[in-house]
Protein backbone atom coordinates (compact mmCIF):
# COMPACT_ATOMS: atom_id res chain seq x y z
CA UNK A 1 0.00 0.00 0.00
CA UNK A 2 1.58 3.24 -1.21
CA UNK A 3 0.33 6.45 0.44
CA UNK A 4 1.68 9.64 -1.12
CA UNK A 5 1.08 13.12 0.35
CA UNK A 6 1.56 16.13 -1.94
CA UNK A 7 0.34 19.70 -2.46
CA UNK A 8 -2.96 20.43 -4.22
CA UNK A 9 -2.44 21.10 -7.94
CA UNK A 10 -4.45 22.40 -10.92
CA UNK A 11 -5.77 18.97 -11.94
CA UNK A 12 -7.16 18.15 -8.48
CA UNK A 13 -10.36 20.24 -8.08
CA UNK A 14 -12.49 18.25 -10.55
CA UNK A 15 -11.06 14.89 -9.42
CA UNK A 16 -11.71 15.65 -5.74
CA UNK A 17 -15.23 16.95 -6.38
CA UNK A 18 -16.13 13.84 -8.42
CA UNK A 19 -14.68 11.48 -5.79
CA UNK A 20 -16.88 13.02 -3.08
CA UNK A 21 -19.95 13.05 -5.37
CA UNK A 22 -19.45 9.29 -5.86
CA UNK A 23 -19.91 8.79 -2.10
CA UNK A 24 -22.91 11.13 -2.02
CA UNK A 25 -21.24 14.29 -0.69
CA UNK A 26 -21.66 17.62 -2.47
CA UNK A 27 -18.27 19.33 -2.69
CA UNK A 28 -17.89 21.64 -5.67
CA UNK A 29 -14.76 21.90 -7.80
CA UNK A 30 -14.97 25.67 -7.14
CA UNK A 31 -14.22 25.04 -3.47
CA UNK A 32 -10.90 23.41 -4.42
CA UNK A 33 -10.10 26.10 -7.00
CA UNK A 34 -10.53 28.59 -4.12
CA UNK A 35 -8.17 26.46 -1.98
CA UNK A 36 -5.65 26.42 -4.83
CA UNK A 37 -5.77 30.22 -5.19
CA UNK A 38 -5.31 30.66 -1.42
CA UNK A 39 -2.44 28.16 -1.47
CA UNK A 40 -0.77 30.09 -4.29
CA UNK A 41 -1.01 33.36 -2.34
CA UNK A 42 0.27 31.81 0.90
CA UNK A 43 -2.94 31.80 2.97
CA UNK A 44 -3.26 28.03 3.17
CA UNK A 45 -1.53 24.75 2.41
CA UNK A 46 -3.75 22.00 0.98
CA UNK A 47 -2.28 18.52 1.30
CA UNK A 48 -3.67 15.75 -0.92
CA UNK A 49 -3.34 12.03 -0.15
CA UNK A 50 -3.18 9.43 -2.87
CA UNK A 51 -3.37 5.69 -2.30
CA UNK A 52 -1.63 3.80 -5.09
CA UNK A 53 -1.94 6.90 -7.28
CA UNK A 54 -5.68 7.45 -6.65
CA UNK A 55 -7.13 10.42 -4.72
CA UNK A 56 -8.03 9.34 -1.17
CA UNK A 57 -8.30 12.48 0.99
CA UNK A 58 -7.02 15.94 1.85
CA UNK A 59 -6.46 18.40 4.66
CA UNK A 60 -5.77 22.14 4.87
CA UNK A 61 -3.51 24.23 7.04
CA UNK A 62 -4.90 27.75 7.44
CA UNK A 63 -2.19 30.18 8.49
CA UNK A 64 -4.84 32.65 9.74
CA UNK A 65 -7.73 30.72 11.24
CA UNK A 66 -11.31 31.96 10.88
CA UNK A 67 -11.73 31.03 14.56
CA UNK A 68 -11.12 34.22 16.60
CA UNK A 69 -9.15 32.65 19.47
CA UNK A 70 -6.67 30.94 17.10
CA UNK A 71 -6.40 34.04 14.91
CA UNK A 72 -5.62 36.28 17.91
CA UNK A 73 -2.96 33.86 19.21
CA UNK A 74 -1.43 33.16 15.78
CA UNK A 75 -2.31 29.45 15.97
CA UNK A 76 -2.51 27.84 12.51
CA UNK A 77 -5.60 25.67 12.03
CA UNK A 78 -5.86 22.20 10.55
CA UNK A 79 -9.10 22.55 8.61
CA UNK A 80 -11.54 20.65 6.37
CA UNK A 81 -9.90 17.25 6.94
CA UNK A 82 -11.54 14.55 4.80
CA UNK A 83 -10.68 10.99 3.81
CA UNK A 84 -13.01 9.20 1.40
CA UNK A 85 -15.12 6.66 3.30
CA UNK A 86 -13.79 3.72 1.26
CA UNK A 87 -10.21 4.62 2.26
CA UNK A 88 -10.76 5.24 5.97
CA UNK A 89 -9.00 3.09 8.61
CA UNK A 90 -5.97 2.56 6.34
CA UNK A 91 -3.59 5.12 7.87
CA UNK A 92 -4.29 7.86 5.32
CA UNK A 93 -5.77 10.29 7.85
CA UNK A 94 -2.83 9.72 10.19
CA UNK A 95 -0.36 10.45 7.39
CA UNK A 96 -2.25 13.62 6.41
CA UNK A 97 -2.31 14.81 10.03
CA UNK A 98 1.41 13.99 10.48
CA UNK A 99 2.27 16.06 7.41
CA UNK A 100 -0.05 18.95 8.41
CA UNK A 101 1.62 19.10 11.83
CA UNK A 102 5.07 19.08 10.17
CA UNK A 103 4.02 22.00 7.94
CA UNK A 104 2.74 23.96 10.97
CA UNK A 105 5.88 23.20 12.99
CA UNK A 106 7.93 25.08 10.39
CA UNK A 107 6.20 28.31 11.53
CA UNK A 108 4.51 27.74 14.92
CA UNK A 109 4.72 25.61 18.06
CA UNK A 110 0.97 24.96 18.42
CA UNK A 111 -1.58 23.44 16.04
CA UNK A 112 -5.31 24.06 16.29
CA UNK A 113 -8.23 22.06 14.96
CA UNK A 114 -12.01 22.20 15.23
CA UNK A 115 -14.29 19.18 15.50
CA UNK A 116 -18.03 18.80 15.28
CA UNK A 117 -19.85 17.81 18.46
CA UNK A 118 -22.30 15.11 17.31
CA UNK A 119 -21.83 11.44 16.44
CA UNK A 120 -20.93 11.99 12.76
CA UNK A 121 -17.64 13.36 14.13
CA UNK A 122 -17.01 10.50 16.57
CA UNK A 123 -14.09 9.02 14.60
CA UNK A 124 -12.45 12.45 14.31
CA UNK A 125 -12.99 13.19 18.02
CA UNK A 126 -11.19 9.95 18.93
CA UNK A 127 -8.39 10.51 16.40
CA UNK A 128 -7.67 14.02 17.67
CA UNK A 129 -7.71 12.92 21.33
CA UNK A 130 -5.31 10.05 20.55
CA UNK A 131 -3.01 12.54 18.80
CA UNK A 132 -2.88 14.74 21.92
CA UNK A 133 -5.32 17.51 21.00
CA UNK A 134 -7.13 19.01 24.00
CA UNK A 135 -10.04 21.48 24.16
CA UNK A 136 -8.97 25.12 24.16
CA UNK A 137 -11.26 25.81 27.13
CA UNK A 138 -13.54 28.26 25.29
CA UNK A 139 -16.50 25.86 24.94
CA UNK A 140 -18.43 25.27 21.74
CA UNK A 141 -18.54 27.82 18.96
CA UNK A 142 -21.02 28.42 16.14
CA UNK A 143 -20.58 30.91 13.30
CA UNK A 144 -19.30 34.02 15.08
CA UNK A 145 -20.00 33.32 18.76
CA UNK A 146 -19.45 31.01 21.70
CA UNK A 147 -22.57 29.19 22.85
CA UNK A 148 -23.46 29.94 26.45
CA UNK A 149 -25.63 28.37 29.15
CA UNK A 150 -29.30 28.59 28.13
CA UNK A 151 -28.60 29.24 24.42
CA UNK A 152 -30.64 27.24 21.97
CA UNK A 153 -29.21 26.20 18.63
CA UNK A 154 -29.52 23.57 15.96
CA UNK A 155 -26.74 21.02 16.26
CA UNK A 156 -25.13 20.82 12.82
CA UNK A 157 -21.69 20.94 11.18
CA UNK A 158 -21.23 24.54 12.35
CA UNK A 159 -21.27 23.70 16.08
CA UNK A 160 -17.59 23.13 16.79
CA UNK A 161 -15.30 22.40 19.71
CA UNK A 162 -11.79 23.76 19.09
CA UNK A 163 -8.71 21.87 20.25
CA UNK A 164 -5.00 22.61 20.39
CA UNK A 165 -1.81 20.58 20.53
CA UNK A 166 1.68 21.72 21.46
CA UNK A 167 4.08 20.47 18.78
CA UNK A 168 7.45 19.36 20.15
C-alpha atoms as a PDB file:
ATOM      1  CA  UNK A   1       0.000   0.000   0.000  1.00  0.00           C
ATOM      2  CA  UNK A   2       1.585   3.236  -1.214  1.00  0.00           C
ATOM      3  CA  UNK A   3       0.326   6.454   0.439  1.00  0.00           C
ATOM      4  CA  UNK A   4       1.681   9.639  -1.116  1.00  0.00           C
ATOM      5  CA  UNK A   5       1.077  13.123   0.349  1.00  0.00           C
ATOM      6  CA  UNK A   6       1.555  16.134  -1.935  1.00  0.00           C
ATOM      7  CA  UNK A   7       0.344  19.696  -2.456  1.00  0.00           C
ATOM      8  CA  UNK A   8      -2.959  20.430  -4.218  1.00  0.00           C
ATOM      9  CA  UNK A   9      -2.441  21.103  -7.936  1.00  0.00           C
ATOM     10  CA  UNK A  10      -4.451  22.402 -10.916  1.00  0.00           C
ATOM     11  CA  UNK A  11      -5.767  18.973 -11.938  1.00  0.00           C
ATOM     12  CA  UNK A  12      -7.162  18.150  -8.476  1.00  0.00           C
ATOM     13  CA  UNK A  13     -10.364  20.240  -8.084  1.00  0.00           C
ATOM     14  CA  UNK A  14     -12.494  18.250 -10.547  1.00  0.00           C
ATOM     15  CA  UNK A  15     -11.055  14.887  -9.419  1.00  0.00           C
ATOM     16  CA  UNK A  16     -11.713  15.652  -5.744  1.00  0.00           C
ATOM     17  CA  UNK A  17     -15.232  16.954  -6.383  1.00  0.00           C
ATOM     18  CA  UNK A  18     -16.128  13.842  -8.420  1.00  0.00           C
ATOM     19  CA  UNK A  19     -14.683  11.482  -5.793  1.00  0.00           C
ATOM     20  CA  UNK A  20     -16.881  13.020  -3.084  1.00  0.00           C
ATOM     21  CA  UNK A  21     -19.950  13.050  -5.370  1.00  0.00           C
ATOM     22  CA  UNK A  22     -19.454   9.288  -5.864  1.00  0.00           C
ATOM     23  CA  UNK A  23     -19.909   8.785  -2.102  1.00  0.00           C
ATOM     24  CA  UNK A  24     -22.910  11.134  -2.021  1.00  0.00           C
ATOM     25  CA  UNK A  25     -21.237  14.294  -0.688  1.00  0.00           C
ATOM     26  CA  UNK A  26     -21.663  17.624  -2.466  1.00  0.00           C
ATOM     27  CA  UNK A  27     -18.271  19.329  -2.692  1.00  0.00           C
ATOM     28  CA  UNK A  28     -17.887  21.643  -5.667  1.00  0.00           C
ATOM     29  CA  UNK A  29     -14.763  21.900  -7.802  1.00  0.00           C
ATOM     30  CA  UNK A  30     -14.975  25.675  -7.144  1.00  0.00           C
ATOM     31  CA  UNK A  31     -14.223  25.039  -3.470  1.00  0.00           C
ATOM     32  CA  UNK A  32     -10.904  23.414  -4.419  1.00  0.00           C
ATOM     33  CA  UNK A  33     -10.104  26.103  -7.002  1.00  0.00           C
ATOM     34  CA  UNK A  34     -10.525  28.587  -4.121  1.00  0.00           C
ATOM     35  CA  UNK A  35      -8.173  26.459  -1.982  1.00  0.00           C
ATOM     36  CA  UNK A  36      -5.652  26.423  -4.833  1.00  0.00           C
ATOM     37  CA  UNK A  37      -5.773  30.225  -5.186  1.00  0.00           C
ATOM     38  CA  UNK A  38      -5.312  30.662  -1.419  1.00  0.00           C
ATOM     39  CA  UNK A  39      -2.439  28.163  -1.471  1.00  0.00           C
ATOM     40  CA  UNK A  40      -0.770  30.086  -4.290  1.00  0.00           C
ATOM     41  CA  UNK A  41      -1.014  33.364  -2.345  1.00  0.00           C
ATOM     42  CA  UNK A  42       0.272  31.806   0.901  1.00  0.00           C
ATOM     43  CA  UNK A  43      -2.937  31.803   2.969  1.00  0.00           C
ATOM     44  CA  UNK A  44      -3.260  28.025   3.168  1.00  0.00           C
ATOM     45  CA  UNK A  45      -1.531  24.751   2.409  1.00  0.00           C
ATOM     46  CA  UNK A  46      -3.754  21.998   0.984  1.00  0.00           C
ATOM     47  CA  UNK A  47      -2.284  18.518   1.297  1.00  0.00           C
ATOM     48  CA  UNK A  48      -3.669  15.748  -0.915  1.00  0.00           C
ATOM     49  CA  UNK A  49      -3.344  12.035  -0.149  1.00  0.00           C
ATOM     50  CA  UNK A  50      -3.180   9.429  -2.868  1.00  0.00           C
ATOM     51  CA  UNK A  51      -3.375   5.691  -2.296  1.00  0.00           C
ATOM     52  CA  UNK A  52      -1.630   3.798  -5.089  1.00  0.00           C
ATOM     53  CA  UNK A  53      -1.945   6.901  -7.283  1.00  0.00           C
ATOM     54  CA  UNK A  54      -5.677   7.451  -6.646  1.00  0.00           C
ATOM     55  CA  UNK A  55      -7.125  10.423  -4.719  1.00  0.00           C
ATOM     56  CA  UNK A  56      -8.027   9.343  -1.165  1.00  0.00           C
ATOM     57  CA  UNK A  57      -8.296  12.480   0.987  1.00  0.00           C
ATOM     58  CA  UNK A  58      -7.025  15.938   1.849  1.00  0.00           C
ATOM     59  CA  UNK A  59      -6.462  18.405   4.656  1.00  0.00           C
ATOM     60  CA  UNK A  60      -5.774  22.142   4.874  1.00  0.00           C
ATOM     61  CA  UNK A  61      -3.512  24.229   7.042  1.00  0.00           C
ATOM     62  CA  UNK A  62      -4.899  27.750   7.438  1.00  0.00           C
ATOM     63  CA  UNK A  63      -2.192  30.182   8.493  1.00  0.00           C
ATOM     64  CA  UNK A  64      -4.835  32.650   9.741  1.00  0.00           C
ATOM     65  CA  UNK A  65      -7.734  30.720  11.245  1.00  0.00           C
ATOM     66  CA  UNK A  66     -11.313  31.965  10.880  1.00  0.00           C
ATOM     67  CA  UNK A  67     -11.733  31.032  14.565  1.00  0.00           C
ATOM     68  CA  UNK A  68     -11.120  34.222  16.605  1.00  0.00           C
ATOM     69  CA  UNK A  69      -9.147  32.651  19.471  1.00  0.00           C
ATOM     70  CA  UNK A  70      -6.673  30.937  17.103  1.00  0.00           C
ATOM     71  CA  UNK A  71      -6.395  34.037  14.911  1.00  0.00           C
ATOM     72  CA  UNK A  72      -5.619  36.284  17.909  1.00  0.00           C
ATOM     73  CA  UNK A  73      -2.964  33.862  19.206  1.00  0.00           C
ATOM     74  CA  UNK A  74      -1.426  33.155  15.780  1.00  0.00           C
ATOM     75  CA  UNK A  75      -2.313  29.450  15.969  1.00  0.00           C
ATOM     76  CA  UNK A  76      -2.506  27.841  12.509  1.00  0.00           C
ATOM     77  CA  UNK A  77      -5.600  25.670  12.029  1.00  0.00           C
ATOM     78  CA  UNK A  78      -5.860  22.197  10.547  1.00  0.00           C
ATOM     79  CA  UNK A  79      -9.097  22.551   8.610  1.00  0.00           C
ATOM     80  CA  UNK A  80     -11.536  20.649   6.370  1.00  0.00           C
ATOM     81  CA  UNK A  81      -9.901  17.248   6.939  1.00  0.00           C
ATOM     82  CA  UNK A  82     -11.535  14.549   4.797  1.00  0.00           C
ATOM     83  CA  UNK A  83     -10.683  10.993   3.815  1.00  0.00           C
ATOM     84  CA  UNK A  84     -13.013   9.201   1.405  1.00  0.00           C
ATOM     85  CA  UNK A  85     -15.122   6.660   3.301  1.00  0.00           C
ATOM     86  CA  UNK A  86     -13.789   3.723   1.256  1.00  0.00           C
ATOM     87  CA  UNK A  87     -10.206   4.621   2.260  1.00  0.00           C
ATOM     88  CA  UNK A  88     -10.761   5.240   5.971  1.00  0.00           C
ATOM     89  CA  UNK A  89      -9.000   3.091   8.608  1.00  0.00           C
ATOM     90  CA  UNK A  90      -5.969   2.561   6.345  1.00  0.00           C
ATOM     91  CA  UNK A  91      -3.586   5.115   7.869  1.00  0.00           C
ATOM     92  CA  UNK A  92      -4.290   7.861   5.319  1.00  0.00           C
ATOM     93  CA  UNK A  93      -5.767  10.293   7.853  1.00  0.00           C
ATOM     94  CA  UNK A  94      -2.829   9.717  10.186  1.00  0.00           C
ATOM     95  CA  UNK A  95      -0.356  10.452   7.385  1.00  0.00           C
ATOM     96  CA  UNK A  96      -2.254  13.616   6.407  1.00  0.00           C
ATOM     97  CA  UNK A  97      -2.309  14.811  10.035  1.00  0.00           C
ATOM     98  CA  UNK A  98       1.408  13.995  10.481  1.00  0.00           C
ATOM     99  CA  UNK A  99       2.274  16.062   7.413  1.00  0.00           C
ATOM    100  CA  UNK A 100      -0.048  18.950   8.405  1.00  0.00           C
ATOM    101  CA  UNK A 101       1.617  19.100  11.829  1.00  0.00           C
ATOM    102  CA  UNK A 102       5.070  19.082  10.172  1.00  0.00           C
ATOM    103  CA  UNK A 103       4.021  22.004   7.942  1.00  0.00           C
ATOM    104  CA  UNK A 104       2.737  23.960  10.970  1.00  0.00           C
ATOM    105  CA  UNK A 105       5.877  23.205  12.990  1.00  0.00           C
ATOM    106  CA  UNK A 106       7.931  25.079  10.393  1.00  0.00           C
ATOM    107  CA  UNK A 107       6.200  28.308  11.531  1.00  0.00           C
ATOM    108  CA  UNK A 108       4.505  27.737  14.918  1.00  0.00           C
ATOM    109  CA  UNK A 109       4.724  25.610  18.058  1.00  0.00           C
ATOM    110  CA  UNK A 110       0.966  24.956  18.415  1.00  0.00           C
ATOM    111  CA  UNK A 111      -1.583  23.439  16.038  1.00  0.00           C
ATOM    112  CA  UNK A 112      -5.310  24.064  16.292  1.00  0.00           C
ATOM    113  CA  UNK A 113      -8.231  22.064  14.955  1.00  0.00           C
ATOM    114  CA  UNK A 114     -12.008  22.196  15.230  1.00  0.00           C
ATOM    115  CA  UNK A 115     -14.289  19.177  15.500  1.00  0.00           C
ATOM    116  CA  UNK A 116     -18.035  18.796  15.284  1.00  0.00           C
ATOM    117  CA  UNK A 117     -19.846  17.808  18.464  1.00  0.00           C
ATOM    118  CA  UNK A 118     -22.296  15.112  17.309  1.00  0.00           C
ATOM    119  CA  UNK A 119     -21.830  11.439  16.444  1.00  0.00           C
ATOM    120  CA  UNK A 120     -20.927  11.988  12.762  1.00  0.00           C
ATOM    121  CA  UNK A 121     -17.641  13.359  14.128  1.00  0.00           C
ATOM    122  CA  UNK A 122     -17.010  10.500  16.569  1.00  0.00           C
ATOM    123  CA  UNK A 123     -14.085   9.021  14.597  1.00  0.00           C
ATOM    124  CA  UNK A 124     -12.451  12.449  14.307  1.00  0.00           C
ATOM    125  CA  UNK A 125     -12.988  13.192  18.022  1.00  0.00           C
ATOM    126  CA  UNK A 126     -11.193   9.946  18.931  1.00  0.00           C
ATOM    127  CA  UNK A 127      -8.387  10.508  16.399  1.00  0.00           C
ATOM    128  CA  UNK A 128      -7.665  14.016  17.671  1.00  0.00           C
ATOM    129  CA  UNK A 129      -7.705  12.923  21.333  1.00  0.00           C
ATOM    130  CA  UNK A 130      -5.305  10.053  20.552  1.00  0.00           C
ATOM    131  CA  UNK A 131      -3.008  12.542  18.800  1.00  0.00           C
ATOM    132  CA  UNK A 132      -2.878  14.736  21.917  1.00  0.00           C
ATOM    133  CA  UNK A 133      -5.325  17.514  21.000  1.00  0.00           C
ATOM    134  CA  UNK A 134      -7.131  19.008  23.997  1.00  0.00           C
ATOM    135  CA  UNK A 135     -10.045  21.477  24.160  1.00  0.00           C
ATOM    136  CA  UNK A 136      -8.975  25.120  24.159  1.00  0.00           C
ATOM    137  CA  UNK A 137     -11.258  25.812  27.135  1.00  0.00           C
ATOM    138  CA  UNK A 138     -13.536  28.255  25.287  1.00  0.00           C
ATOM    139  CA  UNK A 139     -16.496  25.860  24.944  1.00  0.00           C
ATOM    140  CA  UNK A 140     -18.428  25.270  21.741  1.00  0.00           C
ATOM    141  CA  UNK A 141     -18.538  27.823  18.957  1.00  0.00           C
ATOM    142  CA  UNK A 142     -21.018  28.422  16.136  1.00  0.00           C
ATOM    143  CA  UNK A 143     -20.584  30.909  13.298  1.00  0.00           C
ATOM    144  CA  UNK A 144     -19.301  34.016  15.081  1.00  0.00           C
ATOM    145  CA  UNK A 145     -20.004  33.318  18.756  1.00  0.00           C
ATOM    146  CA  UNK A 146     -19.452  31.006  21.698  1.00  0.00           C
ATOM    147  CA  UNK A 147     -22.573  29.191  22.847  1.00  0.00           C
ATOM    148  CA  UNK A 148     -23.458  29.942  26.449  1.00  0.00           C
ATOM    149  CA  UNK A 149     -25.629  28.365  29.148  1.00  0.00           C
ATOM    150  CA  UNK A 150     -29.295  28.592  28.126  1.00  0.00           C
ATOM    151  CA  UNK A 151     -28.598  29.235  24.421  1.00  0.00           C
ATOM    152  CA  UNK A 152     -30.642  27.239  21.966  1.00  0.00           C
ATOM    153  CA  UNK A 153     -29.214  26.196  18.631  1.00  0.00           C
ATOM    154  CA  UNK A 154     -29.523  23.569  15.956  1.00  0.00           C
ATOM    155  CA  UNK A 155     -26.741  21.016  16.261  1.00  0.00           C
ATOM    156  CA  UNK A 156     -25.129  20.821  12.816  1.00  0.00           C
ATOM    157  CA  UNK A 157     -21.687  20.935  11.178  1.00  0.00           C
ATOM    158  CA  UNK A 158     -21.234  24.541  12.345  1.00  0.00           C
ATOM    159  CA  UNK A 159     -21.266  23.696  16.080  1.00  0.00           C
ATOM    160  CA  UNK A 160     -17.592  23.129  16.791  1.00  0.00           C
ATOM    161  CA  UNK A 161     -15.296  22.398  19.713  1.00  0.00           C
ATOM    162  CA  UNK A 162     -11.795  23.757  19.087  1.00  0.00           C
ATOM    163  CA  UNK A 163      -8.713  21.873  20.250  1.00  0.00           C
ATOM    164  CA  UNK A 164      -4.997  22.610  20.389  1.00  0.00           C
ATOM    165  CA  UNK A 165      -1.813  20.583  20.530  1.00  0.00           C
ATOM    166  CA  UNK A 166       1.682  21.722  21.462  1.00  0.00           C
ATOM    167  CA  UNK A 167       4.078  20.475  18.779  1.00  0.00           C
ATOM    168  CA  UNK A 168       7.448  19.365  20.154  1.00  0.00           C
END
